[in-house]
Amino acid sequence: MGIKKFFKDAFADMKASAKAQHEVDKANFAAAKAESKAQWEEAKMSPKARQAKMQEEREEQIKKANERKAVAEERIKKAKGEN
């Protein structure tokens, strides 16, 4: 393997890596832009709509907490040998 081929391959790899990273950066930028727009639209919501959204989020958090609790209680039963 000559030095010329080594550098040719190295620069080709760097080019491919830079291109892939650029795609990642574009996707991250698009996601950040969409999130920013969502936050802006949420900020413009009426107080009743905002209150309803907050209630939905709280209900979702309660649901997830109850699921975690059930899993933990099942683990406790298994650890005690009650199953």
C-alpha atoms as a PDB file:
ATOM      1  CA  MET A   1       0.000   0.000   0.000  1.00  0.00           C
ATOM      2  CA  GLY A   2       1.589   3.188  -1.157  1.00  0.00           C
ATOM      3  CA  ILE A   3       1.425   6.479   0.627  1.00  0.00           C
ATOM      4  CA  LYS A   4      -0.587   7.960  -2.205  1.00  0.00           C
ATOM      5  CA  LYS A   5      -3.319   5.310  -1.842  1.00  0.00           C
ATOM      6  CA  PHE A   6      -3.277   5.712   1.935  1.00  0.00           C
ATOM      7  CA  PHE A   7      -3.999   9.440   1.717  1.00  0.00           C
ATOM      8  CA  LYS A   8      -6.547   8.948  -1.048  1.00  0.00           C
ATOM      9  CA  ASP A   9      -8.449   6.453   1.116  1.00  0.00           C
ATOM     10  CA  ALA A  10      -8.116   8.634   4.212  1.00  0.00           C
ATOM     11  CA  PHE A  11      -9.529  11.685   2.461  1.00  0.00           C
ATOM     12  CA  ALA A  12     -12.347   9.618   0.956  1.00  0.00           C
ATOM     13  CA  ASP A  13     -13.230   8.380   4.457  1.00  0.00           C
ATOM     14  CA  MET A  14     -13.156  11.926   5.832  1.00  0.00           C
ATOM     15  CA  LYS A  15     -15.419  13.107   3.016  1.00  0.00           C
ATOM     16  CA  ALA A  16     -17.930  10.325   3.685  1.00  0.00           C
ATOM     17  CA  SER A  17     -17.837  11.036   7.419  1.00  0.00           C
ATOM     18  CA  ALA A  18     -18.352  14.758   6.877  1.00  0.00           C
ATOM     19  CA  LYS A  19     -21.284  14.080   4.573  1.00  0.00           C
ATOM     20  CA  ALA A  20     -22.904  11.750   7.113  1.00  0.00           C
ATOM     21  CA  GLN A  21     -22.374  14.273   9.921  1.00  0.00           C
ATOM     22  CA  HIS A  22     -23.938  16.967   7.762  1.00  0.00           C
ATOM     23  CA  GLU A  23     -27.070  14.826   7.405  1.00  0.00           C
ATOM     24  CA  VAL A  24     -27.198  14.391  11.183  1.00  0.00           C
ATOM     25  CA  ASP A  25     -26.792  18.137  11.678  1.00  0.00           C
ATOM     26  CA  LYS A  26     -29.580  18.884   9.185  1.00  0.00           C
ATOM     27  CA  ALA A  27     -31.929  16.466  10.959  1.00  0.00           C
ATOM     28  CA  ASN A  28     -31.095  17.933  14.384  1.00  0.00           C
ATOM     29  CA  PHE A  29     -31.623  21.458  13.081  1.00  0.00           C
ATOM     30  CA  ALA A  30     -35.002  20.535  11.592  1.00  0.00           C
ATOM     31  CA  ALA A  31     -36.044  18.935  14.900  1.00  0.00           C
ATOM     32  CA  ALA A  32     -34.966  21.987  16.909  1.00  0.00           C
ATOM     33  CA  LYS A  33     -36.814  24.262  14.499  1.00  0.00           C
ATOM     34  CA  ALA A  34     -40.006  22.193  14.806  1.00  0.00           C
ATOM     35  CA  GLU A  35     -39.738  22.116  18.605  1.00  0.00           C
ATOM     36  CA  SER A  36     -39.277  25.875  18.686  1.00  0.00           C
ATOM     37  CA  LYS A  37     -42.359  26.381  16.526  1.00  0.00           C
ATOM     38  CA  ALA A  38     -44.355  24.026  18.757  1.00  0.00           C
ATOM     39  CA  GLN A  39     -43.320  25.998  21.841  1.00  0.00           C
ATOM     40  CA  TRP A  40     -44.316  29.234  20.122  1.00  0.00           C
ATOM     41  CA  GLU A  41     -47.728  27.853  19.165  1.00  0.00           C
ATOM     42  CA  GLU A  42     -48.245  26.534  22.698  1.00  0.00           C
ATOM     43  CA  ALA A  43     -47.368  29.947  24.113  1.00  0.00           C
ATOM     44  CA  LYS A  44     -50.093  31.500  21.960  1.00  0.00           C
ATOM     45  CA  MET A  45     -52.758  29.062  23.214  1.00  0.00           C
ATOM     46  CA  SER A  46     -55.750  30.402  25.080  1.00  0.00           C
ATOM     47  CA  PRO A  47     -55.728  29.945  28.860  1.00  0.00           C
ATOM     48  CA  LYS A  48     -58.453  27.274  28.687  1.00  0.00           C
ATOM     49  CA  ALA A  49     -56.584  25.324  25.995  1.00  0.00           C
ATOM     50  CA  ARG A  50     -53.332  25.603  27.959  1.00  0.00           C
ATOM     51  CA  GLN A  51     -55.082  24.384  31.097  1.00  0.00           C
ATOM     52  CA  ALA A  52     -56.548  21.399  29.213  1.00  0.00           C
ATOM     53  CA  LYS A  53     -53.117  20.547  27.789  1.00  0.00           C
ATOM     54  CA  MET A  54     -51.536  20.718  31.231  1.00  0.00           C
ATOM     55  CA  GLN A  55     -54.254  18.424  32.622  1.00  0.00           C
ATOM     56  CA  GLU A  56     -53.581  15.884  29.856  1.00  0.00           C
ATOM     57  CA  GLU A  57     -49.872  15.960  30.673  1.00  0.00           C
ATOM     58  CA  ARG A  58     -50.569  15.446  34.387  1.00  0.00           C
ATOM     59  CA  GLU A  59     -52.877  12.516  33.640  1.00  0.00           C
ATOM     60  CA  GLU A  60     -50.196  10.946  31.433  1.00  0.00           C
ATOM     61  CA  GLN A  61     -47.615  11.362  34.207  1.00  0.00           C
ATOM     62  CA  ILE A  62     -49.980   9.744  36.734  1.00  0.00           C
ATOM     63  CA  LYS A  63     -50.575   6.841  34.353  1.00  0.00           C
ATOM     64  CA  LYS A  64     -46.832   6.278  33.886  1.00  0.00           C
ATOM     65  CA  ALA A  65     -46.216   6.507  37.645  1.00  0.00           C
ATOM     66  CA  ASN A  66     -48.930   3.923  38.324  1.00  0.00           C
ATOM     67  CA  GLU A  67     -47.397   1.590  35.738  1.00  0.00           C
ATOM     68  CA  ARG A  68     -43.972   1.955  37.372  1.00  0.00           C
ATOM     69  CA  LYS A  69     -45.534   1.292  40.769  1.00  0.00           C
ATOM     70  CA  ALA A  70     -47.209  -1.890  39.522  1.00  0.00           C
ATOM     71  CA  VAL A  71     -43.938  -3.160  38.072  1.00  0.00           C
ATOM     72  CA  ALA A  72     -42.128  -2.402  41.332  1.00  0.00           C
ATOM     73  CA  GLU A  73     -44.783  -4.190  43.386  1.00  0.00           C
ATOM     74  CA  GLU A  74     -44.464  -7.238  41.119  1.00  0.00           C
ATOM     75  CA  ARG A  75     -40.691  -7.212  41.639  1.00  0.00           C
ATOM     76  CA  ILE A  76     -41.244  -7.025  45.409  1.00  0.00           C
ATOM     77  CA  LYS A  77     -43.535 -10.061  45.289  1.00  0.00           C
ATOM     78  CA  LYS A  78     -40.980 -12.027  43.283  1.00  0.00           C
ATOM     79  CA  ALA A  79     -38.186 -11.055  45.646  1.00  0.00           C
ATOM     80  CA  LYS A  80     -40.225 -12.211  48.642  1.00  0.00           C
ATOM     81  CA  GLY A  81     -41.188 -15.440  46.872  1.00  0.00           C
ATOM     82  CA  GLU A  82     -44.918 -14.723  47.088  1.00  0.00           C
ATOM     83  CA  ASN A  83     -45.565 -15.361  43.428  1.00  0.00           C
END
